[in-house]
Amino acid sequence: MATATFKSEAGELLPFPERIVAMNSAPPGFDPETDLPPGFLPFLMPLHEALTPRQAETHPDLRPVPHGVGQRTLAGTRAAVRTMIRYRNGALNGHGASLLDGYMEDLATDRIYRLMIAQRIKHSEKVEILGDDGKPVVHTPELVSRLFDEELDRLLADIPADANGEAARLREARRISEALILRGEFTPA
């Protein structure tokens, strides 16, 4: 009968999790049914299972997969504009944060996007931002204003006809969001 050693090289008893590892690497012929004290195996197996890595399929990664990360694009500016209008609309409706496209967006996101767009305007001659056709697009206040108009139109097209006052709040959210960028207001507000 082979026996497993649960002692370190110095002869000290291994801590319990390491004893489980020792059991997993027991010498050939080790039989936990007969080589462990009676009643020890039913106690050991749940702990062994808890410490054994599970297959990836049992815990799928449900986070959205980011696309185009690290690229500076007109689509990124457009998404920032759209998110700012939607967040500011939520703030006008009394919400501190809003679930937008699977992400919780709050004042910090709004501020980050304001800064991002302002920097794209300020450094438009030095930093290349690609358009949908892959060609550089210079970000000017006029371009940003046009993007705000286009994204507002898309948002207005998505609201139901009976949405009481929603269109007016979206227009106000758009006005405030663009004004904060053009006036250079980047502190939380």
C-alpha atoms as a PDB file:
ATOM      1  CA  MET A   1       0.000   0.000   0.000  1.00  0.00           C
ATOM      2  CA  ALA A   2       1.399   3.421  -1.019  1.00  0.00           C
ATOM      3  CA  THR A   3       1.070   6.351   1.319  1.00  0.00           C
ATOM      4  CA  ALA A   4       0.835  10.043   0.548  1.00  0.00           C
ATOM      5  CA  THR A   5       2.950  12.466   2.471  1.00  0.00           C
ATOM      6  CA  PHE A   6       1.210  15.531   3.842  1.00  0.00           C
ATOM      7  CA  LYS A   7       4.438  16.941   5.309  1.00  0.00           C
ATOM      8  CA  SER A   8       6.802  19.567   3.970  1.00  0.00           C
ATOM      9  CA  GLU A   9      10.454  18.865   3.260  1.00  0.00           C
ATOM     10  CA  ALA A  10      11.188  20.156   6.774  1.00  0.00           C
ATOM     11  CA  GLY A  11       8.815  17.539   8.183  1.00  0.00           C
ATOM     12  CA  GLU A  12       6.037  19.995   9.148  1.00  0.00           C
ATOM     13  CA  LEU A  13       2.407  19.162   8.399  1.00  0.00           C
ATOM     14  CA  LEU A  14       1.273  20.989   5.259  1.00  0.00           C
ATOM     15  CA  PRO A  15      -1.586  23.521   5.525  1.00  0.00           C
ATOM     16  CA  PHE A  16      -4.912  22.011   4.496  1.00  0.00           C
ATOM     17  CA  PRO A  17      -5.132  23.368   0.901  1.00  0.00           C
ATOM     18  CA  GLU A  18      -1.608  22.103   0.236  1.00  0.00           C
ATOM     19  CA  ARG A  19      -2.590  18.712   1.631  1.00  0.00           C
ATOM     20  CA  ILE A  20      -5.298  18.572  -1.037  1.00  0.00           C
ATOM     21  CA  VAL A  21      -2.644  19.298  -3.662  1.00  0.00           C
ATOM     22  CA  ALA A  22      -0.458  16.577  -2.123  1.00  0.00           C
ATOM     23  CA  MET A  23      -3.366  14.156  -2.384  1.00  0.00           C
ATOM     24  CA  ASN A  24      -3.808  15.077  -6.066  1.00  0.00           C
ATOM     25  CA  SER A  25      -0.156  14.317  -6.679  1.00  0.00           C
ATOM     26  CA  ALA A  26      -0.032  11.210  -4.503  1.00  0.00           C
ATOM     27  CA  PRO A  27       2.259   8.393  -5.577  1.00  0.00           C
ATOM     28  CA  PRO A  28       0.953   5.681  -7.895  1.00  0.00           C
ATOM     29  CA  GLY A  29      -1.206   3.183  -6.078  1.00  0.00           C
ATOM     30  CA  PHE A  30      -2.475   5.674  -3.472  1.00  0.00           C
ATOM     31  CA  ASP A  31      -6.124   4.910  -2.789  1.00  0.00           C
ATOM     32  CA  PRO A  32      -7.964   7.650  -0.889  1.00  0.00           C
ATOM     33  CA  GLU A  33     -10.688   5.164   0.005  1.00  0.00           C
ATOM     34  CA  THR A  34      -8.305   2.999   2.016  1.00  0.00           C
ATOM     35  CA  ASP A  35      -5.273   5.211   2.700  1.00  0.00           C
ATOM     36  CA  LEU A  36      -7.149   8.051   4.429  1.00  0.00           C
ATOM     37  CA  PRO A  37      -8.680   7.911   7.919  1.00  0.00           C
ATOM     38  CA  PRO A  38     -12.322   6.695   7.943  1.00  0.00           C
ATOM     39  CA  GLY A  39     -14.796   9.511   7.240  1.00  0.00           C
ATOM     40  CA  PHE A  40     -12.101  11.819   5.866  1.00  0.00           C
ATOM     41  CA  LEU A  41     -12.945  11.437   2.161  1.00  0.00           C
ATOM     42  CA  PRO A  42     -16.562  12.749   2.412  1.00  0.00           C
ATOM     43  CA  PHE A  43     -15.145  15.766   4.269  1.00  0.00           C
ATOM     44  CA  LEU A  44     -12.314  16.309   1.791  1.00  0.00           C
ATOM     45  CA  MET A  45     -14.158  16.036  -1.534  1.00  0.00           C
ATOM     46  CA  PRO A  46     -16.331  19.207  -1.250  1.00  0.00           C
ATOM     47  CA  LEU A  47     -13.209  21.185  -0.388  1.00  0.00           C
ATOM     48  CA  HIS A  48     -11.315  19.593  -3.265  1.00  0.00           C
ATOM     49  CA  GLU A  49     -14.130  20.498  -5.660  1.00  0.00           C
ATOM     50  CA  ALA A  50     -14.234  24.071  -4.332  1.00  0.00           C
ATOM     51  CA  LEU A  51     -10.510  24.498  -4.991  1.00  0.00           C
ATOM     52  CA  THR A  52     -10.534  22.852  -8.424  1.00  0.00           C
ATOM     53  CA  PRO A  53     -10.754  25.363 -11.301  1.00  0.00           C
ATOM     54  CA  ARG A  54     -14.057  25.165 -13.142  1.00  0.00           C
ATOM     55  CA  GLN A  55     -14.447  25.048 -16.890  1.00  0.00           C
ATOM     56  CA  ALA A  56     -14.857  28.405 -18.660  1.00  0.00           C
ATOM     57  CA  GLU A  57     -18.246  27.321 -20.051  1.00  0.00           C
ATOM     58  CA  THR A  58     -19.805  27.337 -16.590  1.00  0.00           C
ATOM     59  CA  HIS A  59     -19.001  31.037 -16.162  1.00  0.00           C
ATOM     60  CA  PRO A  60     -19.270  32.712 -19.576  1.00  0.00           C
ATOM     61  CA  ASP A  61     -17.939  36.242 -19.995  1.00  0.00           C
ATOM     62  CA  LEU A  62     -21.071  38.338 -20.548  1.00  0.00           C
ATOM     63  CA  ARG A  63     -19.294  41.691 -20.950  1.00  0.00           C
ATOM     64  CA  PRO A  64     -19.688  43.402 -24.330  1.00  0.00           C
ATOM     65  CA  VAL A  65     -16.654  43.026 -26.583  1.00  0.00           C
ATOM     66  CA  PRO A  66     -15.170  46.458 -27.364  1.00  0.00           C
ATOM     67  CA  HIS A  67     -14.501  47.226 -31.027  1.00  0.00           C
ATOM     68  CA  GLY A  68     -12.179  49.882 -32.402  1.00  0.00           C
ATOM     69  CA  VAL A  69     -10.589  50.564 -29.019  1.00  0.00           C
ATOM     70  CA  GLY A  70      -7.646  52.935 -29.248  1.00  0.00           C
ATOM     71  CA  GLN A  71      -8.643  54.439 -32.570  1.00  0.00           C
ATOM     72  CA  ARG A  72      -9.537  58.107 -32.941  1.00  0.00           C
ATOM     73  CA  THR A  73     -12.523  58.259 -35.256  1.00  0.00           C
ATOM     74  CA  LEU A  74     -15.432  60.438 -36.211  1.00  0.00           C
ATOM     75  CA  ALA A  75     -17.643  57.543 -35.104  1.00  0.00           C
ATOM     76  CA  GLY A  76     -16.104  57.889 -31.616  1.00  0.00           C
ATOM     77  CA  THR A  77     -16.940  61.593 -31.538  1.00  0.00           C
ATOM     78  CA  ARG A  78     -20.457  60.826 -32.754  1.00  0.00           C
ATOM     79  CA  ALA A  79     -20.919  58.165 -30.031  1.00  0.00           C
ATOM     80  CA  ALA A  80     -19.651  60.609 -27.403  1.00  0.00           C
ATOM     81  CA  VAL A  81     -22.108  63.277 -28.585  1.00  0.00           C
ATOM     82  CA  ARG A  82     -25.000  60.818 -28.516  1.00  0.00           C
ATOM     83  CA  THR A  83     -24.087  59.572 -25.039  1.00  0.00           C
ATOM     84  CA  MET A  84     -23.771  63.127 -23.723  1.00  0.00           C
ATOM     85  CA  ILE A  85     -27.229  64.075 -24.992  1.00  0.00           C
ATOM     86  CA  ARG A  86     -28.757  60.899 -23.542  1.00  0.00           C
ATOM     87  CA  TYR A  87     -27.001  61.306 -20.171  1.00  0.00           C
ATOM     88  CA  ARG A  88     -27.947  64.996 -19.918  1.00  0.00           C
ATOM     89  CA  ASN A  89     -31.543  64.062 -20.779  1.00  0.00           C
ATOM     90  CA  GLY A  90     -31.496  61.588 -17.906  1.00  0.00           C
ATOM     91  CA  ALA A  91     -30.088  64.264 -15.594  1.00  0.00           C
ATOM     92  CA  LEU A  92     -32.884  66.640 -16.630  1.00  0.00           C
ATOM     93  CA  ASN A  93     -35.328  63.847 -15.744  1.00  0.00           C
ATOM     94  CA  GLY A  94     -33.799  63.511 -12.279  1.00  0.00           C
ATOM     95  CA  HIS A  95     -31.534  60.497 -12.832  1.00  0.00           C
ATOM     96  CA  GLY A  96     -27.963  60.583 -11.537  1.00  0.00           C
ATOM     97  CA  ALA A  97     -26.879  57.774 -13.849  1.00  0.00           C
ATOM     98  CA  SER A  98     -28.414  56.071 -16.844  1.00  0.00           C
ATOM     99  CA  LEU A  99     -28.030  52.639 -18.388  1.00  0.00           C
ATOM    100  CA  LEU A 100     -27.002  53.419 -21.976  1.00  0.00           C
ATOM    101  CA  ASP A 101     -26.034  50.683 -24.424  1.00  0.00           C
ATOM    102  CA  GLY A 102     -25.294  48.239 -21.612  1.00  0.00           C
ATOM    103  CA  TYR A 103     -23.109  50.630 -19.602  1.00  0.00           C
ATOM    104  CA  MET A 104     -23.928  52.779 -16.582  1.00  0.00           C
ATOM    105  CA  GLU A 105     -23.120  56.328 -17.653  1.00  0.00           C
ATOM    106  CA  ASP A 106     -22.910  59.137 -15.139  1.00  0.00           C
ATOM    107  CA  LEU A 107     -21.476  62.614 -14.644  1.00  0.00           C
ATOM    108  CA  ALA A 108     -17.929  61.285 -14.913  1.00  0.00           C
ATOM    109  CA  THR A 109     -18.635  59.871 -18.378  1.00  0.00           C
ATOM    110  CA  ASP A 110     -20.238  63.142 -19.425  1.00  0.00           C
ATOM    111  CA  ARG A 111     -17.191  65.070 -18.240  1.00  0.00           C
ATOM    112  CA  ILE A 112     -14.760  62.687 -19.978  1.00  0.00           C
ATOM    113  CA  TYR A 113     -16.639  63.065 -23.264  1.00  0.00           C
ATOM    114  CA  ARG A 114     -16.771  66.864 -22.919  1.00  0.00           C
ATOM    115  CA  LEU A 115     -13.006  66.923 -22.458  1.00  0.00           C
ATOM    116  CA  MET A 116     -12.437  64.462 -25.298  1.00  0.00           C
ATOM    117  CA  ILE A 117     -14.457  66.519 -27.777  1.00  0.00           C
ATOM    118  CA  ALA A 118     -12.902  69.806 -26.618  1.00  0.00           C
ATOM    119  CA  GLN A 119      -9.423  68.325 -27.065  1.00  0.00           C
ATOM    120  CA  ARG A 120     -10.333  67.059 -30.515  1.00  0.00           C
ATOM    121  CA  ILE A 121     -11.341  70.621 -31.429  1.00  0.00           C
ATOM    122  CA  LYS A 122      -8.283  72.223 -29.792  1.00  0.00           C
ATOM    123  CA  HIS A 123      -5.748  69.789 -31.282  1.00  0.00           C
ATOM    124  CA  SER A 124      -7.514  69.058 -34.565  1.00  0.00           C
ATOM    125  CA  GLU A 125      -4.519  70.168 -36.659  1.00  0.00           C
ATOM    126  CA  LYS A 126      -2.074  67.957 -34.701  1.00  0.00           C
ATOM    127  CA  VAL A 127      -4.055  64.800 -33.955  1.00  0.00           C
ATOM    128  CA  GLU A 128      -5.476  62.771 -36.801  1.00  0.00           C
ATOM    129  CA  ILE A 129      -9.086  61.650 -36.381  1.00  0.00           C
ATOM    130  CA  LEU A 130     -10.347  59.386 -39.115  1.00  0.00           C
ATOM    131  CA  GLY A 131     -13.719  59.695 -40.780  1.00  0.00           C
ATOM    132  CA  ASP A 132     -15.914  56.826 -41.904  1.00  0.00           C
ATOM    133  CA  ASP A 133     -14.004  56.756 -45.214  1.00  0.00           C
ATOM    134  CA  GLY A 134     -10.625  56.473 -43.452  1.00  0.00           C
ATOM    135  CA  LYS A 135      -9.586  60.042 -44.318  1.00  0.00           C
ATOM    136  CA  PRO A 136      -8.691  62.612 -41.639  1.00  0.00           C
ATOM    137  CA  VAL A 137     -11.521  64.823 -40.394  1.00  0.00           C
ATOM    138  CA  VAL A 138     -10.682  68.187 -38.822  1.00  0.00           C
ATOM    139  CA  HIS A 139     -12.827  68.730 -35.731  1.00  0.00           C
ATOM    140  CA  THR A 140     -14.142  72.272 -35.624  1.00  0.00           C
ATOM    141  CA  PRO A 141     -16.890  73.806 -33.482  1.00  0.00           C
ATOM    142  CA  GLU A 142     -19.065  73.780 -36.614  1.00  0.00           C
ATOM    143  CA  LEU A 143     -18.507  70.052 -37.179  1.00  0.00           C
ATOM    144  CA  VAL A 144     -19.287  69.288 -33.537  1.00  0.00           C
ATOM    145  CA  SER A 145     -22.453  71.413 -33.747  1.00  0.00           C
ATOM    146  CA  ARG A 146     -23.501  69.483 -36.866  1.00  0.00           C
ATOM    147  CA  LEU A 147     -22.864  66.171 -35.045  1.00  0.00           C
ATOM    148  CA  PHE A 148     -25.043  67.354 -32.154  1.00  0.00           C
ATOM    149  CA  ASP A 149     -27.812  68.231 -34.640  1.00  0.00           C
ATOM    150  CA  GLU A 150     -27.558  64.850 -36.396  1.00  0.00           C
ATOM    151  CA  GLU A 151     -27.532  62.819 -33.182  1.00  0.00           C
ATOM    152  CA  LEU A 152     -30.439  64.820 -31.770  1.00  0.00           C
ATOM    153  CA  ASP A 153     -32.416  64.078 -34.951  1.00  0.00           C
ATOM    154  CA  ARG A 154     -31.654  60.347 -34.566  1.00  0.00           C
ATOM    155  CA  LEU A 155     -32.764  60.399 -30.923  1.00  0.00           C
ATOM    156  CA  LEU A 156     -35.940  62.321 -31.741  1.00  0.00           C
ATOM    157  CA  ALA A 157     -36.789  59.785 -34.447  1.00  0.00           C
ATOM    158  CA  ASP A 158     -36.566  56.988 -31.848  1.00  0.00           C
ATOM    159  CA  ILE A 159     -39.034  58.425 -29.313  1.00  0.00           C
ATOM    160  CA  PRO A 160     -42.725  57.527 -29.485  1.00  0.00           C
ATOM    161  CA  ALA A 161     -45.161  60.204 -30.620  1.00  0.00           C
ATOM    162  CA  ASP A 162     -46.960  60.148 -27.263  1.00  0.00           C
ATOM    163  CA  ALA A 163     -43.772  60.759 -25.202  1.00  0.00           C
ATOM    164  CA  ASN A 164     -44.961  63.712 -23.166  1.00  0.00           C
ATOM    165  CA  GLY A 165     -42.301  66.448 -23.252  1.00  0.00           C
ATOM    166  CA  GLU A 166     -39.484  64.056 -24.161  1.00  0.00           C
ATOM    167  CA  ALA A 167     -38.582  65.909 -27.373  1.00  0.00           C
ATOM    168  CA  ALA A 168     -38.281  69.238 -25.557  1.00  0.00           C
ATOM    169  CA  ARG A 169     -36.042  67.669 -22.871  1.00  0.00           C
ATOM    170  CA  LEU A 170     -33.819  66.078 -25.536  1.00  0.00           C
ATOM    171  CA  ARG A 171     -33.464  69.441 -27.287  1.00  0.00           C
ATOM    172  CA  GLU A 172     -32.547  71.089 -23.990  1.00  0.00           C
ATOM    173  CA  ALA A 173     -30.085  68.280 -23.194  1.00  0.00           C
ATOM    174  CA  ARG A 174     -28.455  68.804 -26.587  1.00  0.00           C
ATOM    175  CA  ARG A 175     -28.250  72.588 -26.092  1.00  0.00           C
ATOM    176  CA  ILE A 176     -26.655  72.266 -22.639  1.00  0.00           C
ATOM    177  CA  SER A 177     -24.200  69.563 -23.694  1.00  0.00           C
ATOM    178  CA  GLU A 178     -22.852  71.500 -26.661  1.00  0.00           C
ATOM    179  CA  ALA A 179     -22.731  74.777 -24.724  1.00  0.00           C
ATOM    180  CA  LEU A 180     -20.644  73.171 -21.961  1.00  0.00           C
ATOM    181  CA  ILE A 181     -18.041  72.114 -24.542  1.00  0.00           C
ATOM    182  CA  LEU A 182     -17.931  75.397 -26.442  1.00  0.00           C
ATOM    183  CA  ARG A 183     -17.741  77.459 -23.230  1.00  0.00           C
ATOM    184  CA  GLY A 184     -14.957  75.241 -21.889  1.00  0.00           C
ATOM    185  CA  GLU A 185     -16.865  74.080 -18.800  1.00  0.00           C
ATOM    186  CA  PHE A 186     -15.302  70.820 -17.760  1.00  0.00           C
ATOM    187  CA  THR A 187     -15.817  70.714 -14.005  1.00  0.00           C
ATOM    188  CA  PRO A 188     -18.734  68.545 -12.876  1.00  0.00           C
ATOM    189  CA  ALA A 189     -22.076  70.249 -13.336  1.00  0.00           C
END
